[in-house]
């Protein structure tokens, strides 16, 4: 059976991470841009929101694994993709709005792509399977957190719907495929589908995690 030499395998891995990163950047930039247009931000605000939402997760990942300067700040393609998506949202938002729940769907796409890319890159840098899965989850949720914080909203990851859980499931799928020595393309595809499918099913079916309930205050000593 023919073997793939290590330089070719490394080149394939770098290309895969780049494709996933740029795909996630575009999806999250659209998500951030659409959220900005719904809040009636000006064009600069929409572009800032697009860039922050599309790069925050990847920058955090690269800083934690020591891949500096982060790819999103070193490679001009990340900036170009995020700005193009922001301009598309600003000038063509009515067309994008025709999609059903466009922000949530784009957010789920970005979540899946970044979770897979983050896990793959973390494993390439020698992290343990558990840490690689957690870093993949962090990469996935970072952009949504940045977008929601800039819009003064509670981040989706802290709310009840399955957000971080979906990212972690996708990341764990990638790690499992790596441990089983499955083809990297098939593993990445399966991880992305698991994350995206779980997130969209949670949205459509209303799947929620348990929510903390406020307890009634204890009665005072005088009975009131």
Protein backbone atom coordinates (compact mmCIF):
# COMPACT_ATOMS: atom_id res chain seq x y z
CA UNK A 1 0.00 0.00 0.00
CA UNK A 2 1.60 3.35 -0.97
CA UNK A 3 2.58 5.62 1.89
CA UNK A 4 2.30 9.41 1.88
CA UNK A 5 5.67 10.99 2.70
CA UNK A 6 5.79 13.33 5.68
CA UNK A 7 6.37 16.58 3.73
CA UNK A 8 3.30 15.84 1.60
CA UNK A 9 1.24 15.00 4.69
CA UNK A 10 2.37 18.22 6.40
CA UNK A 11 1.49 20.24 3.31
CA UNK A 12 -1.95 18.62 3.17
CA UNK A 13 -2.51 19.44 6.84
CA UNK A 14 -1.51 23.08 6.39
CA UNK A 15 -3.74 23.42 3.35
CA UNK A 16 -6.68 21.86 5.21
CA UNK A 17 -6.27 24.18 8.20
CA UNK A 18 -6.04 27.21 5.89
CA UNK A 19 -9.18 26.24 3.95
CA UNK A 20 -11.15 25.58 7.13
CA UNK A 21 -9.88 28.79 8.71
CA UNK A 22 -10.82 30.94 5.73
CA UNK A 23 -14.20 29.22 5.45
CA UNK A 24 -14.89 29.82 9.13
CA UNK A 25 -13.66 33.40 8.78
CA UNK A 26 -16.13 34.07 5.97
CA UNK A 27 -19.04 32.41 7.79
CA UNK A 28 -18.42 34.22 11.09
CA UNK A 29 -17.78 37.51 9.29
CA UNK A 30 -21.18 37.17 7.61
CA UNK A 31 -22.72 36.32 10.97
CA UNK A 32 -21.14 39.35 12.61
CA UNK A 33 -21.98 41.62 9.69
CA UNK A 34 -25.64 40.55 9.63
CA UNK A 35 -25.90 41.06 13.38
CA UNK A 36 -24.45 44.55 12.89
CA UNK A 37 -26.85 45.48 10.10
CA UNK A 38 -29.79 44.30 12.23
CA UNK A 39 -28.59 46.70 14.93
CA UNK A 40 -28.34 49.45 12.27
CA UNK A 41 -24.61 50.07 12.73
CA UNK A 42 -22.78 52.27 10.25
CA UNK A 43 -20.45 50.73 7.67
CA UNK A 44 -17.39 51.03 9.92
CA UNK A 45 -19.21 49.35 12.78
CA UNK A 46 -20.33 46.48 10.54
CA UNK A 47 -16.77 45.93 9.27
CA UNK A 48 -15.32 46.02 12.79
CA UNK A 49 -17.92 43.52 13.96
CA UNK A 50 -17.24 41.27 10.97
CA UNK A 51 -13.48 41.28 11.59
CA UNK A 52 -13.78 40.72 15.34
CA UNK A 53 -16.31 37.90 15.01
CA UNK A 54 -14.29 36.16 12.30
CA UNK A 55 -10.81 36.34 13.83
CA UNK A 56 -11.11 36.33 17.62
CA UNK A 57 -11.29 32.55 17.98
CA UNK A 58 -8.38 31.88 15.64
CA UNK A 59 -6.18 34.56 17.21
CA UNK A 60 -6.85 33.15 20.69
CA UNK A 61 -5.99 29.64 19.48
CA UNK A 62 -2.73 30.72 17.86
CA UNK A 63 -1.63 32.68 20.92
CA UNK A 64 -2.28 29.72 23.22
CA UNK A 65 -0.32 27.22 21.11
CA UNK A 66 2.53 29.64 20.38
CA UNK A 67 1.81 30.10 16.67
CA UNK A 68 2.80 33.78 16.62
CA UNK A 69 2.15 36.10 15.02
CA UNK A 70 -1.40 34.72 14.65
CA UNK A 71 -2.37 33.72 11.14
CA UNK A 72 -5.27 36.19 11.08
CA UNK A 73 -2.82 39.07 11.66
CA UNK A 74 -0.03 37.78 9.41
CA UNK A 75 -1.97 36.61 6.35
CA UNK A 76 -3.81 39.39 4.51
CA UNK A 77 -6.33 36.90 3.16
CA UNK A 78 -8.09 36.76 6.54
CA UNK A 79 -8.58 40.53 6.56
CA UNK A 80 -9.69 40.54 2.93
CA UNK A 81 -12.23 37.76 3.51
CA UNK A 82 -13.69 39.37 6.63
CA UNK A 83 -13.97 42.82 5.03
CA UNK A 84 -15.52 41.38 1.87
CA UNK A 85 -18.11 39.56 3.97
CA UNK A 86 -18.81 42.73 5.96
CA UNK A 87 -19.34 44.77 2.80
CA UNK A 88 -21.59 42.05 1.40
CA UNK A 89 -23.74 42.23 4.52
CA UNK A 90 -23.88 46.02 4.49
CA UNK A 91 -24.94 46.36 0.84
CA UNK A 92 -26.82 43.09 0.28
CA UNK A 93 -28.40 42.36 3.65
CA UNK A 94 -31.97 42.05 2.21
CA UNK A 95 -30.79 39.18 0.00
CA UNK A 96 -29.07 37.40 2.88
CA UNK A 97 -32.09 37.96 5.12
CA UNK A 98 -34.19 35.88 2.75
CA UNK A 99 -32.46 32.84 4.19
CA UNK A 100 -34.24 31.36 7.17
CA UNK A 101 -32.50 32.49 10.36
CA UNK A 102 -29.40 33.59 8.42
CA UNK A 103 -27.33 34.70 11.41
CA UNK A 104 -27.88 31.44 13.28
CA UNK A 105 -27.16 29.30 10.25
CA UNK A 106 -23.98 31.22 9.37
CA UNK A 107 -22.95 31.12 13.01
CA UNK A 108 -23.38 27.33 13.04
CA UNK A 109 -21.26 27.03 9.89
CA UNK A 110 -18.50 29.16 11.38
CA UNK A 111 -18.69 27.22 14.63
CA UNK A 112 -18.21 23.91 12.82
CA UNK A 113 -15.39 25.09 10.57
CA UNK A 114 -13.44 26.75 13.37
CA UNK A 115 -13.92 23.85 15.79
CA UNK A 116 -12.46 21.45 13.23
CA UNK A 117 -9.65 23.82 12.20
CA UNK A 118 -8.73 24.57 15.81
CA UNK A 119 -8.57 20.92 16.77
CA UNK A 120 -6.56 19.98 13.69
CA UNK A 121 -4.02 22.75 14.24
CA UNK A 122 -3.75 21.99 17.96
CA UNK A 123 -2.93 18.34 17.22
CA UNK A 124 -0.38 19.43 14.61
CA UNK A 125 1.35 21.43 17.36
CA UNK A 126 1.56 18.34 19.56
CA UNK A 127 -1.20 18.97 22.10
CA UNK A 128 -2.77 16.00 23.84
CA UNK A 129 -6.12 14.75 22.47
CA UNK A 130 -8.10 16.23 25.38
CA UNK A 131 -6.39 19.62 25.17
CA UNK A 132 -6.73 19.65 21.37
CA UNK A 133 -10.48 19.06 21.64
CA UNK A 134 -10.85 21.82 24.23
CA UNK A 135 -8.82 24.24 22.13
CA UNK A 136 -10.94 23.34 19.10
CA UNK A 137 -14.04 24.19 21.12
CA UNK A 138 -12.48 27.50 22.21
CA UNK A 139 -11.62 28.34 18.59
CA UNK A 140 -15.21 27.67 17.60
CA UNK A 141 -16.91 29.71 20.29
CA UNK A 142 -14.49 32.65 20.33
CA UNK A 143 -15.95 34.51 17.36
CA UNK A 144 -19.52 34.27 18.63
CA UNK A 145 -18.44 35.48 22.07
CA UNK A 146 -16.67 38.51 20.56
CA UNK A 147 -19.69 39.35 18.40
CA UNK A 148 -22.18 39.12 21.26
CA UNK A 149 -20.00 41.08 23.70
CA UNK A 150 -19.56 43.93 21.21
CA UNK A 151 -23.34 44.01 20.78
CA UNK A 152 -23.85 44.06 24.57
CA UNK A 153 -25.58 40.68 24.56
CA UNK A 154 -25.09 37.62 26.75
CA UNK A 155 -22.83 35.33 24.67
CA UNK A 156 -24.65 32.36 23.17
CA UNK A 157 -22.16 30.00 24.81
CA UNK A 158 -23.46 31.09 28.23
CA UNK A 159 -27.10 30.60 27.33
CA UNK A 160 -29.03 27.35 27.41
CA UNK A 161 -28.92 26.26 23.77
CA UNK A 162 -26.28 23.77 22.61
CA UNK A 163 -23.38 25.92 21.43
CA UNK A 164 -20.13 24.99 23.13
CA UNK A 165 -21.41 21.40 23.40
CA UNK A 166 -21.80 21.24 19.62
CA UNK A 167 -18.28 22.60 19.11
CA UNK A 168 -16.87 20.12 21.60
CA UNK A 169 -18.69 17.23 19.91
CA UNK A 170 -17.21 18.19 16.54
CA UNK A 171 -13.75 18.60 18.04
CA UNK A 172 -14.01 15.22 19.79
CA UNK A 173 -14.96 13.60 16.48
CA UNK A 174 -11.80 14.99 14.88
CA UNK A 175 -9.68 13.75 17.78
CA UNK A 176 -11.32 10.32 17.61
CA UNK A 177 -10.60 10.04 13.90
CA UNK A 178 -6.99 11.06 14.49
CA UNK A 179 -6.53 8.41 17.18
CA UNK A 180 -8.00 5.79 14.85
CA UNK A 181 -5.66 6.93 12.06
CA UNK A 182 -8.54 7.70 9.71
CA UNK A 183 -7.99 9.91 6.63
CA UNK A 184 -7.73 13.53 7.69
CA UNK A 185 -10.22 14.81 5.09
CA UNK A 186 -12.87 12.29 6.16
CA UNK A 187 -12.24 13.05 9.83
CA UNK A 188 -12.54 16.81 9.31
CA UNK A 189 -15.71 16.39 7.28
CA UNK A 190 -17.29 14.16 9.92
CA UNK A 191 -16.35 16.57 12.72
CA UNK A 192 -17.81 19.54 10.87
CA UNK A 193 -21.05 17.70 10.10
CA UNK A 194 -21.43 16.58 13.71
CA UNK A 195 -20.97 20.11 15.04
CA UNK A 196 -23.17 21.80 12.42
CA UNK A 197 -25.88 19.14 12.63
CA UNK A 198 -26.04 19.20 16.41
CA UNK A 199 -26.18 22.99 16.50
CA UNK A 200 -28.92 23.24 13.87
CA UNK A 201 -30.97 20.46 15.46
CA UNK A 202 -30.74 22.26 18.79
CA UNK A 203 -32.04 25.43 17.13
CA UNK A 204 -34.87 23.72 15.27
CA UNK A 205 -35.99 21.40 18.07
CA UNK A 206 -35.33 23.70 20.99
CA UNK A 207 -32.82 21.43 22.69
CA UNK A 208 -31.54 23.14 25.80
CA UNK A 209 -29.16 22.47 28.64
CA UNK A 210 -30.46 22.68 32.23
CA UNK A 211 -30.84 26.27 33.37
CA UNK A 212 -30.08 27.54 36.85
CA UNK A 213 -33.20 28.66 38.69
CA UNK A 214 -33.22 31.36 41.32
CA UNK A 215 -34.20 30.01 44.72
CA UNK A 216 -36.76 31.76 46.87
CA UNK A 217 -35.07 33.85 49.58
CA UNK A 218 -35.29 32.32 53.07
CA UNK A 219 -37.98 33.83 55.32
CA UNK A 220 -36.85 36.48 57.76
CA UNK A 221 -36.74 35.83 61.48
CA UNK A 222 -39.94 37.83 62.07
CA UNK A 223 -41.86 35.60 59.63
CA UNK A 224 -42.13 38.21 56.84
